């Protein structure tokens, strides 16, 4: 796995053309957001990543304004801008490199490798407001209440929620992405892991504020619940 962290900004319409599978297969640590607003919320809590991939071709607009704002916020952080074939070239002026649809995943990965230092190293710690996720030793800490060790499956489950903050994730999605199964006839295993997760991250697991149930739809990780609680600035 690469130490570099990538923020992927792409529209929900990306569907089967999503760039996420290519990043995952290449071993990158990455988060996916679907709007410019979500991207800047992610940056507010996580800080700058090592690189941003902005797939404007899958967004509802050209994304030129969002791209310019990303450049102002990120400074020298590399930006890969992906645009539609009929989009004006000036839309990519904010980016370090640009790609024009269609292109192969290999071409994207080649651009990423060229932009990232070969010897890049980062602490295996993910910050979400007052939450710390220690990837190396697989533990989590919230509001300075002490670390809680995570089993491999709990760590994968938490990572899945952190990739999609403030978004409802269905039980089927969790079973497919974490347990690698499409069978959802019996999700008691998921229920147990959700309970264990809340015991690790919630102040009161019986009244969860971070990991909430959306009846009939699934679960949502409430990023806003960590707002103004950053104990480790």
C-alpha atoms as a PDB file:
ATOM      1  CA  UNK A   1       0.000   0.000   0.000  1.00  0.00           C
ATOM      2  CA  UNK A   2       1.198   3.506  -0.818  1.00  0.00           C
ATOM      3  CA  UNK A   3       1.637   6.042   1.980  1.00  0.00           C
ATOM      4  CA  UNK A   4       0.201   8.861  -0.147  1.00  0.00           C
ATOM      5  CA  UNK A   5      -3.358   9.984   0.545  1.00  0.00           C
ATOM      6  CA  UNK A   6      -5.502  11.029  -2.427  1.00  0.00           C
ATOM      7  CA  UNK A   7      -8.783  12.931  -2.458  1.00  0.00           C
ATOM      8  CA  UNK A   8     -10.955  11.899  -5.400  1.00  0.00           C
ATOM      9  CA  UNK A   9     -13.664  14.393  -6.358  1.00  0.00           C
ATOM     10  CA  UNK A  10     -16.080  12.898  -8.872  1.00  0.00           C
ATOM     11  CA  UNK A  11     -19.803  13.073  -9.543  1.00  0.00           C
ATOM     12  CA  UNK A  12     -22.168  10.313  -8.532  1.00  0.00           C
ATOM     13  CA  UNK A  13     -22.928   9.923 -12.240  1.00  0.00           C
ATOM     14  CA  UNK A  14     -19.453   8.409 -12.734  1.00  0.00           C
ATOM     15  CA  UNK A  15     -20.936   4.962 -12.153  1.00  0.00           C
ATOM     16  CA  UNK A  16     -18.893   2.240 -13.844  1.00  0.00           C
ATOM     17  CA  UNK A  17     -16.397   4.848 -15.046  1.00  0.00           C
ATOM     18  CA  UNK A  18     -15.486   5.816 -11.478  1.00  0.00           C
ATOM     19  CA  UNK A  19     -11.772   6.265 -10.916  1.00  0.00           C
ATOM     20  CA  UNK A  20     -11.960   4.735  -7.429  1.00  0.00           C
ATOM     21  CA  UNK A  21     -11.350   1.095  -8.488  1.00  0.00           C
ATOM     22  CA  UNK A  22      -8.120   2.084 -10.252  1.00  0.00           C
ATOM     23  CA  UNK A  23      -6.838   3.882  -7.141  1.00  0.00           C
ATOM     24  CA  UNK A  24      -7.829   0.977  -4.902  1.00  0.00           C
ATOM     25  CA  UNK A  25      -6.195  -1.604  -7.163  1.00  0.00           C
ATOM     26  CA  UNK A  26      -3.011   0.477  -7.233  1.00  0.00           C
ATOM     27  CA  UNK A  27      -2.910   0.445  -3.418  1.00  0.00           C
ATOM     28  CA  UNK A  28      -3.512   4.121  -2.746  1.00  0.00           C
ATOM     29  CA  UNK A  29      -5.235   5.405   0.371  1.00  0.00           C
ATOM     30  CA  UNK A  30      -8.043   7.611  -0.859  1.00  0.00           C
ATOM     31  CA  UNK A  31     -11.378   9.208  -0.015  1.00  0.00           C
ATOM     32  CA  UNK A  32     -14.194   9.911  -2.466  1.00  0.00           C
ATOM     33  CA  UNK A  33     -16.506  12.936  -2.364  1.00  0.00           C
ATOM     34  CA  UNK A  34     -19.153  13.803  -4.927  1.00  0.00           C
ATOM     35  CA  UNK A  35     -19.459  17.599  -4.787  1.00  0.00           C
ATOM     36  CA  UNK A  36     -17.240  20.618  -4.415  1.00  0.00           C
ATOM     37  CA  UNK A  37     -18.927  21.412  -1.101  1.00  0.00           C
ATOM     38  CA  UNK A  38     -18.132  17.931   0.205  1.00  0.00           C
ATOM     39  CA  UNK A  39     -14.521  18.296  -0.951  1.00  0.00           C
ATOM     40  CA  UNK A  40     -13.967  21.470   1.050  1.00  0.00           C
ATOM     41  CA  UNK A  41     -15.705  19.980   4.105  1.00  0.00           C
ATOM     42  CA  UNK A  42     -13.324  17.019   3.848  1.00  0.00           C
ATOM     43  CA  UNK A  43     -10.329  19.349   3.629  1.00  0.00           C
ATOM     44  CA  UNK A  44     -11.527  21.320   6.668  1.00  0.00           C
ATOM     45  CA  UNK A  45     -11.407  18.174   8.798  1.00  0.00           C
ATOM     46  CA  UNK A  46      -8.645  16.140   7.206  1.00  0.00           C
ATOM     47  CA  UNK A  47      -6.249  18.811   6.069  1.00  0.00           C
ATOM     48  CA  UNK A  48      -4.547  18.692   2.675  1.00  0.00           C
ATOM     49  CA  UNK A  49      -4.040  15.293   1.042  1.00  0.00           C
ATOM     50  CA  UNK A  50      -0.954  14.462  -0.978  1.00  0.00           C
ATOM     51  CA  UNK A  51      -2.839  14.824  -4.261  1.00  0.00           C
ATOM     52  CA  UNK A  52      -6.314  15.651  -5.565  1.00  0.00           C
ATOM     53  CA  UNK A  53      -7.971  14.018  -8.568  1.00  0.00           C
ATOM     54  CA  UNK A  54     -10.814  16.255  -9.742  1.00  0.00           C
ATOM     55  CA  UNK A  55     -12.990  14.531 -12.360  1.00  0.00           C
ATOM     56  CA  UNK A  56     -14.985  17.500 -13.610  1.00  0.00           C
ATOM     57  CA  UNK A  57     -16.340  15.502 -16.542  1.00  0.00           C
ATOM     58  CA  UNK A  58     -18.647  13.625 -14.157  1.00  0.00           C
ATOM     59  CA  UNK A  59     -19.888  16.779 -12.411  1.00  0.00           C
ATOM     60  CA  UNK A  60     -22.925  18.848 -13.343  1.00  0.00           C
ATOM     61  CA  UNK A  61     -20.760  21.871 -14.153  1.00  0.00           C
ATOM     62  CA  UNK A  62     -17.379  22.378 -15.789  1.00  0.00           C
ATOM     63  CA  UNK A  63     -15.877  22.631 -12.313  1.00  0.00           C
ATOM     64  CA  UNK A  64     -13.558  25.498 -13.253  1.00  0.00           C
ATOM     65  CA  UNK A  65     -14.610  27.552 -10.232  1.00  0.00           C
ATOM     66  CA  UNK A  66     -14.169  24.602  -7.878  1.00  0.00           C
ATOM     67  CA  UNK A  67     -10.778  23.839  -9.392  1.00  0.00           C
ATOM     68  CA  UNK A  68      -9.586  27.421  -8.868  1.00  0.00           C
ATOM     69  CA  UNK A  69     -10.758  27.360  -5.272  1.00  0.00           C
ATOM     70  CA  UNK A  70      -8.994  24.038  -4.714  1.00  0.00           C
ATOM     71  CA  UNK A  71      -5.788  25.636  -5.908  1.00  0.00           C
ATOM     72  CA  UNK A  72      -6.203  28.580  -3.502  1.00  0.00           C
ATOM     73  CA  UNK A  73      -6.885  26.251  -0.572  1.00  0.00           C
ATOM     74  CA  UNK A  74      -4.300  23.587  -1.393  1.00  0.00           C
ATOM     75  CA  UNK A  75      -1.391  25.764  -2.412  1.00  0.00           C
ATOM     76  CA  UNK A  76       1.266  23.519  -3.962  1.00  0.00           C
ATOM     77  CA  UNK A  77      -0.629  20.238  -3.494  1.00  0.00           C
ATOM     78  CA  UNK A  78      -0.787  18.521  -6.903  1.00  0.00           C
ATOM     79  CA  UNK A  79      -4.133  18.540  -8.731  1.00  0.00           C
ATOM     80  CA  UNK A  80      -5.041  16.221 -11.586  1.00  0.00           C
ATOM     81  CA  UNK A  81      -7.952  17.723 -13.514  1.00  0.00           C
ATOM     82  CA  UNK A  82     -10.060  15.435 -15.683  1.00  0.00           C
ATOM     83  CA  UNK A  83     -12.376  17.144 -18.149  1.00  0.00           C
ATOM     84  CA  UNK A  84     -14.748  16.318 -20.974  1.00  0.00           C
ATOM     85  CA  UNK A  85     -13.475  16.403 -24.546  1.00  0.00           C
ATOM     86  CA  UNK A  86     -15.590  19.456 -25.380  1.00  0.00           C
ATOM     87  CA  UNK A  87     -14.611  21.444 -22.261  1.00  0.00           C
ATOM     88  CA  UNK A  88     -12.410  24.516 -22.808  1.00  0.00           C
ATOM     89  CA  UNK A  89      -8.726  24.060 -22.065  1.00  0.00           C
ATOM     90  CA  UNK A  90      -8.726  27.010 -19.654  1.00  0.00           C
ATOM     91  CA  UNK A  91     -10.847  24.948 -17.254  1.00  0.00           C
ATOM     92  CA  UNK A  92      -7.661  23.037 -16.424  1.00  0.00           C
ATOM     93  CA  UNK A  93      -5.524  26.127 -15.813  1.00  0.00           C
ATOM     94  CA  UNK A  94      -5.598  25.498 -12.056  1.00  0.00           C
ATOM     95  CA  UNK A  95      -4.249  21.956 -12.353  1.00  0.00           C
ATOM     96  CA  UNK A  96      -0.740  20.530 -12.493  1.00  0.00           C
ATOM     97  CA  UNK A  97      -1.782  18.114 -15.231  1.00  0.00           C
ATOM     98  CA  UNK A  98      -5.034  17.398 -17.018  1.00  0.00           C
ATOM     99  CA  UNK A  99      -6.631  14.428 -18.737  1.00  0.00           C
ATOM    100  CA  UNK A 100      -9.329  14.501 -21.381  1.00  0.00           C
ATOM    101  CA  UNK A 101     -12.050  11.845 -21.407  1.00  0.00           C
ATOM    102  CA  UNK A 102     -11.871   9.085 -22.448  1.00  0.00           C
ATOM    103  CA  UNK A 103      -8.574   7.770 -21.086  1.00  0.00           C
ATOM    104  CA  UNK A 104      -7.320   4.570 -19.483  1.00  0.00           C
ATOM    105  CA  UNK A 105      -6.823   4.063 -15.730  1.00  0.00           C
ATOM    106  CA  UNK A 106      -3.167   3.382 -16.483  1.00  0.00           C
ATOM    107  CA  UNK A 107      -2.776   6.870 -17.908  1.00  0.00           C
ATOM    108  CA  UNK A 108      -4.247   8.373 -14.725  1.00  0.00           C
ATOM    109  CA  UNK A 109      -1.952   6.293 -12.512  1.00  0.00           C
ATOM    110  CA  UNK A 110       1.081   7.314 -14.571  1.00  0.00           C
ATOM    111  CA  UNK A 111       0.201  10.985 -14.023  1.00  0.00           C
ATOM    112  CA  UNK A 112      -0.229  10.400 -10.285  1.00  0.00           C
ATOM    113  CA  UNK A 113       3.118   8.611  -9.957  1.00  0.00           C
ATOM    114  CA  UNK A 114       4.836  11.430 -11.796  1.00  0.00           C
ATOM    115  CA  UNK A 115       3.424  14.014  -9.389  1.00  0.00           C
ATOM    116  CA  UNK A 116       4.058  12.188  -6.116  1.00  0.00           C
ATOM    117  CA  UNK A 117       7.578  11.948  -4.663  1.00  0.00           C
ATOM    118  CA  UNK A 118       8.837   8.390  -4.793  1.00  0.00           C
ATOM    119  CA  UNK A 119       9.890   8.485  -1.147  1.00  0.00           C
ATOM    120  CA  UNK A 120       6.735  10.090   0.263  1.00  0.00           C
ATOM    121  CA  UNK A 121       5.978   9.040   3.804  1.00  0.00           C
ATOM    122  CA  UNK A 122       3.090   9.951   6.082  1.00  0.00           C
ATOM    123  CA  UNK A 123       2.122   9.011   9.576  1.00  0.00           C
ATOM    124  CA  UNK A 124      -0.496   6.315   9.528  1.00  0.00           C
ATOM    125  CA  UNK A 125      -2.953   8.558  11.350  1.00  0.00           C
ATOM    126  CA  UNK A 126      -6.242   9.863   9.946  1.00  0.00           C
ATOM    127  CA  UNK A 127      -7.795  12.904  11.619  1.00  0.00           C
ATOM    128  CA  UNK A 128     -11.523  13.640  11.595  1.00  0.00           C
ATOM    129  CA  UNK A 129     -12.016  16.557  13.940  1.00  0.00           C
ATOM    130  CA  UNK A 130     -11.478  15.122  17.423  1.00  0.00           C
ATOM    131  CA  UNK A 131     -11.182  11.578  16.068  1.00  0.00           C
ATOM    132  CA  UNK A 132      -7.857   9.880  15.455  1.00  0.00           C
ATOM    133  CA  UNK A 133      -7.651   6.642  13.503  1.00  0.00           C
ATOM    134  CA  UNK A 134      -4.266   4.946  13.936  1.00  0.00           C
ATOM    135  CA  UNK A 135      -3.883   2.721  10.915  1.00  0.00           C
ATOM    136  CA  UNK A 136      -0.565   1.173  11.885  1.00  0.00           C
ATOM    137  CA  UNK A 137      -1.667  -0.190  15.239  1.00  0.00           C
ATOM    138  CA  UNK A 138      -5.357  -0.375  14.254  1.00  0.00           C
ATOM    139  CA  UNK A 139      -6.952   1.699  16.994  1.00  0.00           C
ATOM    140  CA  UNK A 140      -9.212   4.739  17.287  1.00  0.00           C
ATOM    141  CA  UNK A 141      -9.499   7.612  19.750  1.00  0.00           C
ATOM    142  CA  UNK A 142     -12.288  10.187  20.043  1.00  0.00           C
ATOM    143  CA  UNK A 143     -12.314  13.342  22.187  1.00  0.00           C
ATOM    144  CA  UNK A 144      -9.228  12.201  24.097  1.00  0.00           C
ATOM    145  CA  UNK A 145     -11.165   9.399  25.812  1.00  0.00           C
ATOM    146  CA  UNK A 146      -8.400   6.888  25.203  1.00  0.00           C
ATOM    147  CA  UNK A 147      -7.613   4.494  22.386  1.00  0.00           C
ATOM    148  CA  UNK A 148      -9.806   1.552  21.496  1.00  0.00           C
ATOM    149  CA  UNK A 149      -8.233  -1.339  19.572  1.00  0.00           C
ATOM    150  CA  UNK A 150      -9.980  -2.337  16.351  1.00  0.00           C
ATOM    151  CA  UNK A 151     -10.240  -5.774  14.858  1.00  0.00           C
ATOM    152  CA  UNK A 152      -9.310  -5.931  11.156  1.00  0.00           C
ATOM    153  CA  UNK A 153     -12.976  -5.981  10.173  1.00  0.00           C
ATOM    154  CA  UNK A 154     -13.862  -3.074  12.475  1.00  0.00           C
ATOM    155  CA  UNK A 155     -10.990  -1.075  10.991  1.00  0.00           C
ATOM    156  CA  UNK A 156     -12.281  -1.776   7.466  1.00  0.00           C
ATOM    157  CA  UNK A 157     -15.807  -0.811   8.516  1.00  0.00           C
ATOM    158  CA  UNK A 158     -14.677   2.495  10.022  1.00  0.00           C
ATOM    159  CA  UNK A 159     -12.574   3.273   6.950  1.00  0.00           C
ATOM    160  CA  UNK A 160     -15.659   2.700   4.787  1.00  0.00           C
ATOM    161  CA  UNK A 161     -17.657   5.227   6.797  1.00  0.00           C
ATOM    162  CA  UNK A 162     -14.794   7.730   6.767  1.00  0.00           C
ATOM    163  CA  UNK A 163     -14.642   7.525   2.972  1.00  0.00           C
ATOM    164  CA  UNK A 164     -18.280   8.615   2.800  1.00  0.00           C
ATOM    165  CA  UNK A 165     -18.911  11.140   5.604  1.00  0.00           C
ATOM    166  CA  UNK A 166     -22.454  12.511   5.876  1.00  0.00           C
ATOM    167  CA  UNK A 167     -23.698  10.004   3.309  1.00  0.00           C
ATOM    168  CA  UNK A 168     -26.198   7.230   3.938  1.00  0.00           C
ATOM    169  CA  UNK A 169     -24.574   3.851   3.273  1.00  0.00           C
ATOM    170  CA  UNK A 170     -26.917   0.921   2.822  1.00  0.00           C
ATOM    171  CA  UNK A 171     -26.482  -2.400   4.591  1.00  0.00           C
ATOM    172  CA  UNK A 172     -25.994  -4.003   1.182  1.00  0.00           C
ATOM    173  CA  UNK A 173     -23.150  -1.600   0.368  1.00  0.00           C
ATOM    174  CA  UNK A 174     -21.433  -2.376   3.663  1.00  0.00           C
ATOM    175  CA  UNK A 175     -21.747  -6.118   3.155  1.00  0.00           C
ATOM    176  CA  UNK A 176     -20.382  -5.818  -0.372  1.00  0.00           C
ATOM    177  CA  UNK A 177     -17.522  -3.418   0.402  1.00  0.00           C
ATOM    178  CA  UNK A 178     -16.402  -4.738   3.791  1.00  0.00           C
ATOM    179  CA  UNK A 179     -17.441  -8.407   3.834  1.00  0.00           C
ATOM    180  CA  UNK A 180     -17.126  -8.867   0.043  1.00  0.00           C
ATOM    181  CA  UNK A 181     -20.475 -10.620  -0.273  1.00  0.00           C
ATOM    182  CA  UNK A 182     -23.731  -9.808  -2.013  1.00  0.00           C
ATOM    183  CA  UNK A 183     -25.714 -11.989   0.384  1.00  0.00           C
ATOM    184  CA  UNK A 184     -27.783  -9.819   2.713  1.00  0.00           C
ATOM    185  CA  UNK A 185     -30.267 -12.406   3.932  1.00  0.00           C
ATOM    186  CA  UNK A 186     -28.600 -12.471   7.344  1.00  0.00           C
ATOM    187  CA  UNK A 187     -26.802  -9.293   8.421  1.00  0.00           C
ATOM    188  CA  UNK A 188     -26.469 -10.099  12.123  1.00  0.00           C
ATOM    189  CA  UNK A 189     -22.690  -9.943  11.718  1.00  0.00           C
ATOM    190  CA  UNK A 190     -23.050  -6.356  10.523  1.00  0.00           C
ATOM    191  CA  UNK A 191     -25.362  -5.532  13.441  1.00  0.00           C
ATOM    192  CA  UNK A 192     -22.802  -6.825  15.919  1.00  0.00           C
ATOM    193  CA  UNK A 193     -19.971  -4.864  14.325  1.00  0.00           C
ATOM    194  CA  UNK A 194     -22.039  -1.668  14.322  1.00  0.00           C
ATOM    195  CA  UNK A 195     -22.620  -2.157  18.054  1.00  0.00           C
ATOM    196  CA  UNK A 196     -18.913  -2.752  18.658  1.00  0.00           C
ATOM    197  CA  UNK A 197     -18.058   0.296  16.564  1.00  0.00           C
ATOM    198  CA  UNK A 198     -20.323   2.511  18.626  1.00  0.00           C
ATOM    199  CA  UNK A 199     -18.715   1.202  21.801  1.00  0.00           C
ATOM    200  CA  UNK A 200     -15.388   2.398  20.407  1.00  0.00           C
ATOM    201  CA  UNK A 201     -16.326   5.839  19.102  1.00  0.00           C
ATOM    202  CA  UNK A 202     -19.471   7.015  20.898  1.00  0.00           C
ATOM    203  CA  UNK A 203     -19.577   8.752  24.267  1.00  0.00           C
ATOM    204  CA  UNK A 204     -22.924   7.033  24.856  1.00  0.00           C
ATOM    205  CA  UNK A 205     -23.296   4.009  22.538  1.00  0.00           C
ATOM    206  CA  UNK A 206     -26.992   3.746  23.427  1.00  0.00           C
ATOM    207  CA  UNK A 207     -27.568   7.251  22.035  1.00  0.00           C
ATOM    208  CA  UNK A 208     -25.141   7.486  19.094  1.00  0.00           C
ATOM    209  CA  UNK A 209     -24.285  10.887  17.665  1.00  0.00           C
ATOM    210  CA  UNK A 210     -21.559   9.856  15.218  1.00  0.00           C
ATOM    211  CA  UNK A 211     -22.729   6.584  13.693  1.00  0.00           C
ATOM    212  CA  UNK A 212     -26.487   6.829  13.275  1.00  0.00           C
ATOM    213  CA  UNK A 213     -29.083   4.454  11.931  1.00  0.00           C
ATOM    214  CA  UNK A 214     -31.245   5.722   9.072  1.00  0.00           C
ATOM    215  CA  UNK A 215     -34.300   3.538   9.367  1.00  0.00           C
ATOM    216  CA  UNK A 216     -34.999   1.527   6.254  1.00  0.00           C
ATOM    217  CA  UNK A 217     -31.914   2.869   4.470  1.00  0.00           C
ATOM    218  CA  UNK A 218     -28.727   2.050   6.382  1.00  0.00           C
ATOM    219  CA  UNK A 219     -26.234   4.099   8.382  1.00  0.00           C
ATOM    220  CA  UNK A 220     -24.625   7.531   8.241  1.00  0.00           C
ATOM    221  CA  UNK A 221     -21.392   8.781   9.775  1.00  0.00           C
ATOM    222  CA  UNK A 222     -22.138  12.324  10.972  1.00  0.00           C
ATOM    223  CA  UNK A 223     -19.060  14.417  10.333  1.00  0.00           C
ATOM    224  CA  UNK A 224     -20.842  17.441  11.829  1.00  0.00           C
ATOM    225  CA  UNK A 225     -20.960  15.708  15.220  1.00  0.00           C
ATOM    226  CA  UNK A 226     -17.198  16.131  15.437  1.00  0.00           C
ATOM    227  CA  UNK A 227     -17.325  19.823  14.525  1.00  0.00           C
ATOM    228  CA  UNK A 228     -15.752  22.195  17.042  1.00  0.00           C
ATOM    229  CA  UNK A 229     -14.443  19.207  19.015  1.00  0.00           C
ATOM    230  CA  UNK A 230     -10.950  19.056  17.557  1.00  0.00           C
ATOM    231  CA  UNK A 231      -8.850  18.262  20.610  1.00  0.00           C
ATOM    232  CA  UNK A 232      -5.724  17.766  18.518  1.00  0.00           C
ATOM    233  CA  UNK A 233      -5.224  20.846  16.330  1.00  0.00           C
END
